[in-house]
Amino acid sequence: MTDLKAIARSLFQAAVDCADPARALRNAMQVSALPACHAHGHTYIIAVGKAAVPMMREALGQIEEPRTALAVTNHENYCEIEGATVLVGGHPVPDENSAIAGRKVIELLQSATVLDRVVVLVSGGGSALLVSPVEGVSLEEKATLSQQLLASGLGINDMNLVRQKLSTLKGGGFLRHAKHAKICAYILSDVIGDDLRAIASGPTVGAIGSNNDARKLLLDAGLWSDVPLAIQKHLSSIEPAPQESTAENTLVGSNRHSLNAMLAALPKEFMGRIESDHLTGDVEQAAETIVAAAECAPKNHPIALIFGGETTVQIRGTGRGGRNQELALRVAELAEKRLCPGWVFLSGGTDGRDGPTDAAGGITCADTLLQIRSTGASPSELLANNDSYQALRLGNALLMTGGTGTNVADVQVFLRQ
């Protein structure tokens, strides 16, 4: 299993390397050049997301003075950049630092004139890292709703639909604050399907839906009655007509690019294919999809089944974990009943962090559950408590990478000898 685990880890690294933000931005800027700046104009560079630091460094090497640069990222990916201010916001739940960053970004956007240009570098995580609540809604109320959304099992597009309607920056908010300056955005996608409106909640694009759409979504999900009253009031109000995006938005990297890189890095003795680039929905169903695909795969040849997407978890317990860790554990449970030994499964977040933990995900094999049980623990009981982190720790099956500085959602690989 050691060799299979090493191969799985190398494929995960290939996915991360392909999503290297600096390389992706450099290539994109060669193809989609920045609009020219007026002779007396100023350039404002704003980078938001888990990949903000490397994207900002690359942009500073491409854009001449005079310029003002601000990056907002998460704590794990923070570091200083010469020539730029770097702020840290809360993630996955926004905090006061996220609000401070929001006010600073608004200040820069409102400083831009018709002579200036605004270069925006967007990557995953921006929804929580940068917040500016609409009038009448407090940061605490937005944070409460964010926690409810994360625990609900809703997909990222649905969550971002709601987030957009409660923010002055999301859903095209950068355009509203920088009324006259040219805006050019380079976007690294962490959203399956690459809907630009959903990536970091679309600060330079349009809104996914209306107040009424967000209200209906919360009602259908059974969340409306628990939503703070100020948010209920706002989502029940009539809103102005949506503003069309006038920004130049360029996609620089995505999950599918990383899946292709994994396939290309596969050792030649393996028969490999991208099984799905839309592995979404609840982890329980996703685990069934993966094991069913493994059951149908050819039996007389080493195989590699590659998946990409972003699943969801229904939080029913009090344990710690994340969607990738729970998926890895659920695959192990199903495989124990339905597959012969000789397999390895890896599920990881390309940002290096899965949920509110320090793990990127999990890497399981036929021995994982046996090792957990040898400690006296029950994998099924830990799973029922959403305690996948503890289960995988006991099974020596946590995928630990540290922050990668990028984010193109999740990747999975199932290997069998």
Protein backbone atom coordinates (compact mmCIF):
# COMPACT_ATOMS: atom_id res chain seq x y z
CA MET A 1 0.00 0.00 0.00
CA THR A 2 2.97 2.30 0.57
CA ASP A 3 3.64 2.53 -3.16
CA LEU A 4 -0.01 3.21 -3.97
CA LYS A 5 -0.19 5.88 -1.29
CA ALA A 6 2.97 7.49 -2.65
CA ILE A 7 1.46 7.51 -6.15
CA ALA A 8 -1.78 9.01 -4.83
CA ARG A 9 0.13 11.76 -3.05
CA SER A 10 2.17 12.51 -6.18
CA LEU A 11 -1.01 12.84 -8.22
CA PHE A 12 -2.48 15.21 -5.64
CA GLN A 13 0.69 17.29 -5.85
CA ALA A 14 0.40 17.36 -9.66
CA ALA A 15 -3.09 18.80 -9.25
CA VAL A 16 -1.81 21.49 -6.87
CA ASP A 17 1.18 22.32 -9.08
CA CYS A 18 -1.07 22.78 -12.10
CA ALA A 19 -3.11 25.30 -10.13
CA ASP A 20 -0.04 27.32 -9.17
CA PRO A 21 -1.52 30.84 -9.06
CA ALA A 22 1.55 32.71 -10.25
CA ARG A 23 2.06 30.49 -13.28
CA ALA A 24 -1.64 30.56 -14.14
CA LEU A 25 -1.79 34.35 -13.88
CA ARG A 26 1.41 34.81 -15.88
CA ASN A 27 0.07 32.68 -18.73
CA ALA A 28 -3.30 34.47 -18.68
CA MET A 29 -1.77 37.94 -18.74
CA GLN A 30 0.21 36.96 -21.81
CA VAL A 31 -2.99 35.99 -23.59
CA SER A 32 -5.35 38.62 -22.12
CA ALA A 33 -3.24 41.72 -21.65
CA LEU A 34 -4.20 44.45 -19.21
CA PRO A 35 -6.05 47.47 -20.62
CA ALA A 36 -3.76 50.46 -20.99
CA CYS A 37 -3.65 52.97 -18.17
CA HIS A 38 -4.03 56.71 -18.84
CA ALA A 39 -0.75 58.62 -18.88
CA HIS A 40 -1.75 60.33 -15.65
CA GLY A 41 -3.61 57.36 -14.23
CA HIS A 42 -2.98 55.12 -11.23
CA THR A 43 -3.31 51.34 -10.97
CA TYR A 44 -5.04 49.75 -7.99
CA ILE A 45 -4.29 46.05 -7.53
CA ILE A 46 -6.62 44.13 -5.23
CA ALA A 47 -6.06 40.41 -4.62
CA VAL A 48 -8.65 38.46 -2.64
CA GLY A 49 -8.63 34.76 -1.73
CA LYS A 50 -6.43 31.91 -0.58
CA ALA A 51 -4.16 32.45 -3.58
CA ALA A 52 -3.96 36.22 -3.11
CA VAL A 53 -0.28 36.30 -2.09
CA PRO A 54 1.28 34.46 -5.07
CA MET A 55 -1.09 36.17 -7.51
CA MET A 56 -0.15 39.57 -6.09
CA ARG A 57 3.57 38.82 -6.32
CA GLU A 58 3.19 37.90 -9.97
CA ALA A 59 1.09 40.99 -10.72
CA LEU A 60 3.64 43.30 -9.10
CA GLY A 61 6.24 41.91 -11.48
CA GLN A 62 4.00 42.71 -14.44
CA ILE A 63 2.51 46.11 -13.54
CA GLU A 64 4.55 49.30 -13.40
CA GLU A 65 4.26 52.18 -10.94
CA PRO A 66 2.35 54.23 -9.93
CA ARG A 67 0.28 51.61 -8.19
CA THR A 68 -1.35 50.75 -4.88
CA ALA A 69 -1.57 47.07 -3.95
CA LEU A 70 -3.70 45.31 -1.34
CA ALA A 71 -4.02 41.55 -0.77
CA VAL A 72 -6.52 39.83 1.52
CA THR A 73 -5.92 36.16 2.35
CA ASN A 74 -6.41 33.59 5.11
CA HIS A 75 -4.12 33.21 8.10
CA GLU A 76 -2.41 30.05 6.85
CA ASN A 77 -1.35 31.65 3.55
CA TYR A 78 -0.35 35.03 5.00
CA CYS A 79 3.09 36.49 4.41
CA GLU A 80 4.44 39.97 3.75
CA ILE A 81 4.91 41.24 0.21
CA GLU A 82 7.25 44.08 -0.64
CA GLY A 83 5.23 46.81 -2.31
CA ALA A 84 1.84 45.62 -1.07
CA THR A 85 -0.29 45.63 2.07
CA VAL A 86 -1.40 42.13 3.11
CA LEU A 87 -4.42 41.67 5.38
CA VAL A 88 -5.86 38.51 6.94
CA GLY A 89 -9.58 37.72 7.04
CA GLY A 90 -11.57 35.02 8.80
CA HIS A 91 -12.23 31.71 7.05
CA PRO A 92 -14.50 29.79 6.64
CA VAL A 93 -16.58 32.10 8.86
CA PRO A 94 -16.03 35.88 8.43
CA ASP A 95 -14.78 37.88 11.41
CA GLU A 96 -13.92 41.46 12.31
CA ASN A 97 -10.70 41.19 10.28
CA SER A 98 -12.82 40.35 7.24
CA ALA A 99 -14.84 43.50 7.86
CA ILE A 100 -11.69 45.62 8.24
CA ALA A 101 -10.43 44.24 4.93
CA GLY A 102 -13.80 45.02 3.35
CA ARG A 103 -13.65 48.65 4.45
CA LYS A 104 -10.10 48.98 3.13
CA VAL A 105 -11.04 47.56 -0.27
CA ILE A 106 -14.02 49.91 -0.52
CA GLU A 107 -11.75 52.85 0.30
CA LEU A 108 -9.40 51.91 -2.57
CA LEU A 109 -12.23 51.30 -5.04
CA GLN A 110 -13.84 54.64 -4.27
CA SER A 111 -10.48 56.37 -4.75
CA ALA A 112 -10.26 55.24 -8.36
CA THR A 113 -11.13 57.81 -11.01
CA VAL A 114 -11.89 57.65 -14.72
CA LEU A 115 -8.14 57.95 -15.38
CA ASP A 116 -7.31 54.89 -13.28
CA ARG A 117 -7.60 51.14 -13.65
CA VAL A 118 -8.38 48.48 -11.08
CA VAL A 119 -6.78 45.03 -11.44
CA VAL A 120 -8.57 42.41 -9.36
CA LEU A 121 -7.08 39.00 -8.63
CA VAL A 122 -9.73 36.58 -7.39
CA SER A 123 -9.37 33.11 -5.89
CA GLY A 124 -11.41 30.79 -3.69
CA GLY A 125 -12.16 31.75 -0.12
CA GLY A 126 -12.87 35.37 -0.87
CA SER A 127 -16.49 35.15 0.28
CA ALA A 128 -15.49 34.92 3.95
CA LEU A 129 -12.18 36.79 3.80
CA LEU A 130 -13.75 40.02 2.59
CA VAL A 131 -17.09 41.23 3.95
CA SER A 132 -19.14 44.39 3.90
CA PRO A 133 -22.67 43.75 5.21
CA VAL A 134 -25.60 45.59 3.67
CA GLU A 135 -27.22 48.32 5.75
CA GLY A 136 -29.21 46.93 8.66
CA VAL A 137 -27.29 43.64 8.88
CA SER A 138 -24.44 43.26 11.38
CA LEU A 139 -21.22 41.29 10.98
CA GLU A 140 -22.34 38.98 13.79
CA GLU A 141 -25.60 38.24 11.96
CA LYS A 142 -23.71 37.49 8.73
CA ALA A 143 -21.33 35.20 10.63
CA THR A 144 -24.27 33.38 12.20
CA LEU A 145 -25.85 32.83 8.79
CA SER A 146 -22.49 31.70 7.37
CA GLN A 147 -22.24 29.02 10.05
CA GLN A 148 -25.80 27.91 9.31
CA LEU A 149 -25.05 27.68 5.59
CA LEU A 150 -21.86 25.69 6.14
CA ALA A 151 -23.71 23.21 8.35
CA SER A 152 -26.70 22.90 5.99
CA GLY A 153 -25.20 20.78 3.25
CA LEU A 154 -26.03 23.40 0.59
CA GLY A 155 -23.73 23.62 -2.43
CA ILE A 156 -21.27 26.48 -2.90
CA ASN A 157 -23.39 28.20 -5.58
CA ASP A 158 -26.43 28.22 -3.31
CA MET A 159 -24.42 29.56 -0.37
CA ASN A 160 -22.90 32.28 -2.52
CA LEU A 161 -26.33 33.30 -3.83
CA VAL A 162 -27.34 34.12 -0.27
CA ARG A 163 -24.01 35.74 0.64
CA GLN A 164 -24.19 38.04 -2.39
CA LYS A 165 -27.52 39.50 -1.37
CA LEU A 166 -26.15 40.51 2.04
CA SER A 167 -22.98 42.24 0.84
CA THR A 168 -22.07 45.54 -0.77
CA LEU A 169 -18.95 43.95 -2.32
CA LYS A 170 -20.19 40.62 -3.67
CA GLY A 171 -22.26 40.04 -6.80
CA GLY A 172 -20.61 42.86 -8.74
CA GLY A 173 -20.04 45.09 -5.74
CA PHE A 174 -16.57 46.15 -6.89
CA LEU A 175 -18.24 47.77 -9.91
CA ARG A 176 -20.66 49.67 -7.72
CA HIS A 177 -17.87 51.14 -5.59
CA ALA A 178 -15.43 51.87 -8.46
CA LYS A 179 -17.96 53.69 -10.58
CA HIS A 180 -15.71 55.14 -13.26
CA ALA A 181 -12.41 53.21 -13.36
CA LYS A 182 -11.66 50.37 -15.76
CA ILE A 183 -11.79 47.00 -13.99
CA CYS A 184 -9.90 43.95 -15.18
CA ALA A 185 -10.16 40.71 -13.19
CA TYR A 186 -8.16 37.48 -13.36
CA ILE A 187 -9.97 34.63 -11.66
CA LEU A 188 -8.71 31.29 -10.34
CA SER A 189 -11.79 29.08 -10.04
CA ASP A 190 -12.61 26.94 -7.01
CA VAL A 191 -16.17 26.40 -8.26
CA ILE A 192 -17.24 23.36 -10.23
CA GLY A 193 -18.50 24.49 -13.62
CA ASP A 194 -16.56 27.76 -13.29
CA ASP A 195 -19.54 30.08 -12.89
CA LEU A 196 -17.70 33.38 -12.41
CA ARG A 197 -20.62 34.73 -10.38
CA ALA A 198 -19.98 32.12 -7.70
CA ILE A 199 -16.19 32.33 -7.35
CA ALA A 200 -15.55 34.38 -4.19
CA SER A 201 -19.21 35.40 -4.66
CA GLY A 202 -18.48 37.26 -7.91
CA PRO A 203 -17.09 40.65 -6.81
CA THR A 204 -16.53 41.76 -10.42
CA VAL A 205 -19.40 39.87 -12.03
CA GLY A 206 -23.19 39.92 -11.62
CA ALA A 207 -25.38 38.40 -8.94
CA ILE A 208 -26.47 34.77 -9.15
CA GLY A 209 -30.06 35.64 -8.23
CA SER A 210 -32.42 38.04 -6.49
CA ASN A 211 -33.43 38.63 -2.89
CA ASN A 212 -36.49 36.52 -3.57
CA ASP A 213 -34.34 33.68 -4.93
CA ALA A 214 -32.24 33.73 -1.77
CA ARG A 215 -35.31 33.81 0.44
CA LYS A 216 -36.90 30.86 -1.41
CA LEU A 217 -33.67 28.88 -1.18
CA LEU A 218 -33.52 29.34 2.60
CA LEU A 219 -37.19 28.42 2.93
CA ASP A 220 -36.77 25.26 0.83
CA ALA A 221 -33.71 24.29 2.89
CA GLY A 222 -35.64 24.68 6.12
CA LEU A 223 -33.31 27.43 7.35
CA TRP A 224 -35.53 30.51 7.11
CA SER A 225 -36.99 30.42 10.62
CA ASP A 226 -33.51 30.29 12.16
CA VAL A 227 -32.09 33.13 10.06
CA PRO A 228 -31.49 36.38 12.01
CA LEU A 229 -34.48 38.72 11.73
CA ALA A 230 -32.46 41.54 10.16
CA ILE A 231 -31.48 39.19 7.32
CA GLN A 232 -35.07 38.02 6.90
CA LYS A 233 -36.13 41.66 6.60
CA HIS A 234 -33.48 42.47 4.00
CA LEU A 235 -34.20 39.42 1.84
CA SER A 236 -37.91 40.23 1.94
CA SER A 237 -37.34 43.76 0.59
CA ILE A 238 -37.55 44.98 -2.99
CA GLU A 239 -34.15 45.53 -4.59
CA PRO A 240 -33.04 47.80 -7.45
CA ALA A 241 -32.56 46.42 -10.96
CA PRO A 242 -29.32 44.42 -11.30
CA GLN A 243 -26.26 46.14 -12.74
CA GLU A 244 -24.62 44.54 -15.76
CA SER A 245 -20.93 43.71 -15.40
CA THR A 246 -18.59 46.02 -17.31
CA ALA A 247 -15.40 44.36 -16.07
CA GLU A 248 -13.07 42.28 -18.22
CA ASN A 249 -13.10 38.90 -16.46
CA THR A 250 -10.55 36.22 -17.39
CA LEU A 251 -10.50 32.67 -16.02
CA VAL A 252 -6.89 31.64 -15.33
CA GLY A 253 -7.23 28.15 -13.82
CA SER A 254 -9.79 25.56 -12.70
CA ASN A 255 -10.44 22.12 -11.25
CA ARG A 256 -10.62 20.51 -14.70
CA HIS A 257 -7.11 21.73 -15.54
CA SER A 258 -5.84 20.00 -12.40
CA LEU A 259 -7.65 16.74 -13.18
CA ASN A 260 -5.96 16.69 -16.59
CA ALA A 261 -2.61 17.20 -14.87
CA MET A 262 -3.28 14.23 -12.58
CA LEU A 263 -4.09 12.03 -15.54
CA ALA A 264 -0.91 13.12 -17.32
CA ALA A 265 1.21 12.35 -14.23
CA LEU A 266 -0.14 8.81 -13.83
CA PRO A 267 2.51 6.03 -14.08
CA LYS A 268 2.28 4.30 -17.44
CA GLU A 269 1.31 0.90 -16.01
CA PHE A 270 -2.02 2.33 -14.81
CA MET A 271 -5.17 2.43 -16.87
CA GLY A 272 -6.56 5.83 -15.92
CA ARG A 273 -9.49 8.05 -16.71
CA ILE A 274 -11.27 11.11 -15.40
CA GLU A 275 -14.42 9.52 -14.06
CA SER A 276 -16.17 12.79 -13.15
CA ASP A 277 -15.40 16.49 -12.90
CA HIS A 278 -18.71 17.18 -11.12
CA LEU A 279 -18.51 15.13 -7.93
CA THR A 280 -20.96 17.17 -5.89
CA GLY A 281 -23.78 16.66 -3.41
CA ASP A 282 -23.70 14.83 -0.10
CA VAL A 283 -20.56 12.84 0.73
CA GLU A 284 -22.60 9.70 1.37
CA GLN A 285 -23.83 9.61 -2.23
CA ALA A 286 -20.40 10.66 -3.53
CA ALA A 287 -18.81 7.68 -1.74
CA GLU A 288 -21.35 5.36 -3.36
CA THR A 289 -20.53 6.86 -6.79
CA ILE A 290 -16.80 6.23 -6.29
CA VAL A 291 -17.08 2.66 -5.03
CA ALA A 292 -19.61 1.77 -7.74
CA ALA A 293 -17.18 3.06 -10.38
CA ALA A 294 -14.41 0.95 -8.82
CA GLU A 295 -16.64 -2.14 -8.94
CA CYS A 296 -17.19 -1.63 -12.67
CA ALA A 297 -13.53 -0.97 -13.53
CA PRO A 298 -11.46 -3.60 -15.38
CA LYS A 299 -10.10 -6.26 -13.01
CA ASN A 300 -7.01 -7.39 -14.91
CA HIS A 301 -5.07 -4.12 -14.90
CA PRO A 302 -3.95 -1.46 -12.37
CA ILE A 303 -6.53 1.33 -12.51
CA ALA A 304 -6.78 4.99 -11.53
CA LEU A 305 -10.16 6.67 -11.33
CA ILE A 306 -9.91 10.45 -11.04
CA PHE A 307 -12.66 12.72 -9.72
CA GLY A 308 -13.04 16.44 -9.08
CA GLY A 309 -15.71 18.52 -7.45
CA GLU A 310 -16.93 19.83 -4.12
CA THR A 311 -19.16 17.69 -1.96
CA THR A 312 -21.19 18.71 1.08
CA VAL A 313 -21.61 17.32 4.59
CA GLN A 314 -24.71 17.24 6.75
CA ILE A 315 -23.50 18.13 10.24
CA ARG A 316 -25.35 15.97 12.76
CA GLY A 317 -22.69 15.58 15.46
CA THR A 318 -20.14 17.57 17.42
CA GLY A 319 -16.91 16.15 15.99
CA ARG A 320 -14.29 17.74 13.77
CA GLY A 321 -13.62 17.05 10.15
CA GLY A 322 -14.30 18.18 6.61
CA ARG A 323 -15.93 16.93 3.45
CA ASN A 324 -12.75 15.31 2.11
CA GLN A 325 -11.98 13.53 5.36
CA GLU A 326 -15.53 12.25 5.67
CA LEU A 327 -15.56 11.14 2.03
CA ALA A 328 -12.31 9.20 2.48
CA LEU A 329 -13.72 7.47 5.56
CA ARG A 330 -17.04 6.66 3.88
CA VAL A 331 -15.28 5.18 0.85
CA ALA A 332 -13.25 2.98 3.21
CA GLU A 333 -16.45 1.73 4.89
CA LEU A 334 -18.13 0.85 1.60
CA ALA A 335 -14.97 -0.66 0.10
CA GLU A 336 -14.52 -2.93 3.13
CA LYS A 337 -17.85 -4.58 2.27
CA ARG A 338 -17.65 -4.54 -1.53
CA LEU A 339 -14.05 -4.45 -2.78
CA CYS A 340 -11.04 -6.71 -2.45
CA PRO A 341 -7.93 -5.35 -0.68
CA GLY A 342 -5.25 -3.70 -2.78
CA TRP A 343 -6.78 -0.25 -3.17
CA VAL A 344 -6.03 3.31 -2.01
CA PHE A 345 -8.33 6.31 -2.07
CA LEU A 346 -7.32 9.96 -1.63
CA SER A 347 -9.63 12.94 -1.31
CA GLY A 348 -8.11 16.37 -0.73
CA GLY A 349 -8.78 20.07 -0.93
CA THR A 350 -6.29 21.70 -3.26
CA ASP A 351 -5.95 24.58 -0.78
CA GLY A 352 -4.45 22.17 1.77
CA ARG A 353 -7.20 22.71 4.31
CA ASP A 354 -10.38 20.70 4.74
CA GLY A 355 -13.06 22.30 6.87
CA PRO A 356 -11.97 23.80 10.21
CA THR A 357 -8.96 21.47 10.52
CA ASP A 358 -5.27 21.44 9.64
CA ALA A 359 -5.68 18.48 7.26
CA ALA A 360 -6.15 18.69 3.49
CA GLY A 361 -8.26 15.54 3.49
CA GLY A 362 -7.77 11.81 3.89
CA ILE A 363 -5.94 8.90 2.26
CA THR A 364 -7.42 5.51 3.12
CA CYS A 365 -6.79 1.88 2.23
CA ALA A 366 -8.10 -1.55 3.23
CA ASP A 367 -6.13 -1.42 6.50
CA THR A 368 -7.46 1.95 7.67
CA LEU A 369 -10.60 0.76 9.44
CA LEU A 370 -8.70 -2.15 11.03
CA GLN A 371 -6.15 0.27 12.44
CA ILE A 372 -8.90 2.53 13.84
CA ARG A 373 -10.59 -0.44 15.51
CA SER A 374 -7.28 -1.61 16.98
CA THR A 375 -7.30 1.52 19.14
CA GLY A 376 -10.69 0.59 20.60
CA ALA A 377 -12.56 3.23 18.56
CA SER A 378 -15.51 2.61 16.25
CA PRO A 379 -15.21 4.14 12.74
CA SER A 380 -19.00 4.15 12.32
CA GLU A 381 -19.60 5.90 15.65
CA LEU A 382 -16.96 8.52 14.89
CA LEU A 383 -18.49 9.04 11.46
CA ALA A 384 -21.98 9.42 12.95
CA ASN A 385 -20.56 12.21 15.13
CA ASN A 386 -18.92 13.90 12.11
CA ASP A 387 -15.57 13.14 13.77
CA SER A 388 -13.72 12.05 10.64
CA TYR A 389 -10.57 13.92 11.70
CA GLN A 390 -10.22 11.81 14.86
CA ALA A 391 -11.02 8.61 12.97
CA LEU A 392 -8.42 9.24 10.28
CA ARG A 393 -5.87 10.36 12.86
CA LEU A 394 -6.28 7.03 14.66
CA GLY A 395 -5.97 5.25 11.30
CA ASN A 396 -2.86 7.22 10.30
CA ALA A 397 -4.85 8.33 7.26
CA LEU A 398 -4.91 12.13 7.40
CA LEU A 399 -3.63 13.96 4.32
CA MET A 400 -1.45 16.75 5.72
CA THR A 401 0.07 19.29 3.31
CA GLY A 402 -0.18 22.70 4.94
CA GLY A 403 -1.50 25.67 2.99
CA THR A 404 -0.79 25.37 -0.73
CA GLY A 405 -1.45 28.98 -1.71
CA THR A 406 -4.02 27.96 -4.30
CA ASN A 407 -7.58 26.64 -4.44
CA VAL A 408 -9.36 24.89 -7.32
CA ALA A 409 -11.84 22.89 -5.19
CA ASP A 410 -11.28 19.20 -4.39
CA VAL A 411 -9.69 16.28 -6.22
CA GLN A 412 -9.96 12.56 -5.62
CA VAL A 413 -8.20 9.48 -6.94
CA PHE A 414 -9.00 5.80 -6.46
CA LEU A 415 -6.07 3.48 -7.20
CA ARG A 416 -6.17 -0.30 -7.43
CA GLN A 417 -3.30 -2.63 -8.18
